[in-house]
Amino acid sequence: MNSIRLTVREAMESNGLNRYKVNKLTGIPYQTLDRYFKNEVARYDSDVLLKLCVALDCGIEDLIEVVR
């Protein structure tokens, strides 16, 4: 079965950022950021994803992957 996997953790680590720093850069609540970091999100918020893309200087494809 196909699924979607968030790769926020990898994107943050490749930029040398932790959840605290990304929280301060984006204003995303820490609890929300933690769920994205741990891939525990049921519904994806486009505003959160946009803020992450801007803060991490990446595209959406760097944050989400389809697992087949």
C-alpha atoms as a PDB file:
ATOM      1  CA  MET A   1       0.000   0.000   0.000  1.00  0.00           C
ATOM      2  CA  ASN A   2       1.279   3.474  -0.860  1.00  0.00           C
ATOM      3  CA  SER A   3       1.690   6.109   1.818  1.00  0.00           C
ATOM      4  CA  ILE A   4       3.055   9.594   2.341  1.00  0.00           C
ATOM      5  CA  ARG A   5       6.066  10.099   4.564  1.00  0.00           C
ATOM      6  CA  LEU A   6       7.273  13.427   5.861  1.00  0.00           C
ATOM      7  CA  THR A   7      11.001  14.019   5.571  1.00  0.00           C
ATOM      8  CA  VAL A   8      11.035  17.154   7.708  1.00  0.00           C
ATOM      9  CA  ARG A   9      13.543  15.631  10.128  1.00  0.00           C
ATOM     10  CA  GLU A  10      16.032  14.968   7.341  1.00  0.00           C
ATOM     11  CA  ALA A  11      15.557  18.431   5.827  1.00  0.00           C
ATOM     12  CA  MET A  12      16.108  20.098   9.191  1.00  0.00           C
ATOM     13  CA  GLU A  13      19.182  18.019   9.979  1.00  0.00           C
ATOM     14  CA  SER A  14      20.730  18.713   6.571  1.00  0.00           C
ATOM     15  CA  ASN A  15      20.354  22.435   7.332  1.00  0.00           C
ATOM     16  CA  GLY A  16      21.830  22.049  10.809  1.00  0.00           C
ATOM     17  CA  LEU A  17      18.590  23.116  12.478  1.00  0.00           C
ATOM     18  CA  ASN A  18      16.708  21.645  15.402  1.00  0.00           C
ATOM     19  CA  ARG A  19      13.032  21.964  16.296  1.00  0.00           C
ATOM     20  CA  TYR A  20      13.668  24.851  18.678  1.00  0.00           C
ATOM     21  CA  LYS A  21      15.451  26.923  16.023  1.00  0.00           C
ATOM     22  CA  VAL A  22      12.809  26.185  13.388  1.00  0.00           C
ATOM     23  CA  ASN A  23      10.098  27.097  15.897  1.00  0.00           C
ATOM     24  CA  LYS A  24      11.742  30.476  16.459  1.00  0.00           C
ATOM     25  CA  LEU A  25      12.287  31.055  12.713  1.00  0.00           C
ATOM     26  CA  THR A  26       8.763  30.141  11.634  1.00  0.00           C
ATOM     27  CA  GLY A  27       6.450  30.740  14.568  1.00  0.00           C
ATOM     28  CA  ILE A  28       5.042  27.241  14.104  1.00  0.00           C
ATOM     29  CA  PRO A  29       3.940  26.006  17.546  1.00  0.00           C
ATOM     30  CA  TYR A  30       6.494  23.565  18.946  1.00  0.00           C
ATOM     31  CA  GLN A  31       3.892  20.803  19.369  1.00  0.00           C
ATOM     32  CA  THR A  32       2.874  21.110  15.714  1.00  0.00           C
ATOM     33  CA  LEU A  33       6.477  21.144  14.575  1.00  0.00           C
ATOM     34  CA  ASP A  34       7.194  18.094  16.713  1.00  0.00           C
ATOM     35  CA  ARG A  35       4.385  16.145  15.004  1.00  0.00           C
ATOM     36  CA  TYR A  36       5.767  17.031  11.564  1.00  0.00           C
ATOM     37  CA  PHE A  37       9.285  16.135  12.734  1.00  0.00           C
ATOM     38  CA  LYS A  38       8.097  12.728  13.983  1.00  0.00           C
ATOM     39  CA  ASN A  39       5.895  12.094  10.920  1.00  0.00           C
ATOM     40  CA  GLU A  40       2.777  11.924  13.105  1.00  0.00           C
ATOM     41  CA  VAL A  41       0.546  14.225  11.053  1.00  0.00           C
ATOM     42  CA  ALA A  42      -2.827  13.016   9.785  1.00  0.00           C
ATOM     43  CA  ARG A  43      -3.742  16.168   7.828  1.00  0.00           C
ATOM     44  CA  TYR A  44      -1.136  18.402   6.281  1.00  0.00           C
ATOM     45  CA  ASP A  45      -1.443  22.159   6.754  1.00  0.00           C
ATOM     46  CA  SER A  46      -0.298  24.086   3.682  1.00  0.00           C
ATOM     47  CA  ASP A  47       0.667  27.104   5.818  1.00  0.00           C
ATOM     48  CA  VAL A  48       2.945  24.957   7.969  1.00  0.00           C
ATOM     49  CA  LEU A  49       4.500  23.330   4.918  1.00  0.00           C
ATOM     50  CA  LEU A  50       5.080  26.725   3.293  1.00  0.00           C
ATOM     51  CA  LYS A  51       6.755  28.102   6.427  1.00  0.00           C
ATOM     52  CA  LEU A  52       8.977  25.030   6.583  1.00  0.00           C
ATOM     53  CA  CYS A  53       9.930  25.385   2.908  1.00  0.00           C
ATOM     54  CA  VAL A  54      10.876  29.028   3.425  1.00  0.00           C
ATOM     55  CA  ALA A  55      12.812  28.411   6.656  1.00  0.00           C
ATOM     56  CA  LEU A  56      14.658  25.405   5.237  1.00  0.00           C
ATOM     57  CA  ASP A  57      15.121  26.986   1.796  1.00  0.00           C
ATOM     58  CA  CYS A  58      13.718  23.929   0.072  1.00  0.00           C
ATOM     59  CA  GLY A  59      10.839  22.752  -2.074  1.00  0.00           C
ATOM     60  CA  ILE A  60       7.825  20.770  -0.976  1.00  0.00           C
ATOM     61  CA  GLU A  61       9.380  17.675  -2.570  1.00  0.00           C
ATOM     62  CA  ASP A  62      12.137  17.915   0.041  1.00  0.00           C
ATOM     63  CA  LEU A  63       9.589  17.587   2.862  1.00  0.00           C
ATOM     64  CA  ILE A  64       7.198  14.937   1.558  1.00  0.00           C
ATOM     65  CA  GLU A  65       7.751  11.659  -0.253  1.00  0.00           C
ATOM     66  CA  VAL A  66       5.481   8.932  -1.536  1.00  0.00           C
ATOM     67  CA  VAL A  67       6.420   5.504  -0.230  1.00  0.00           C
ATOM     68  CA  ARG A  68       5.450   2.709  -2.593  1.00  0.00           C
END
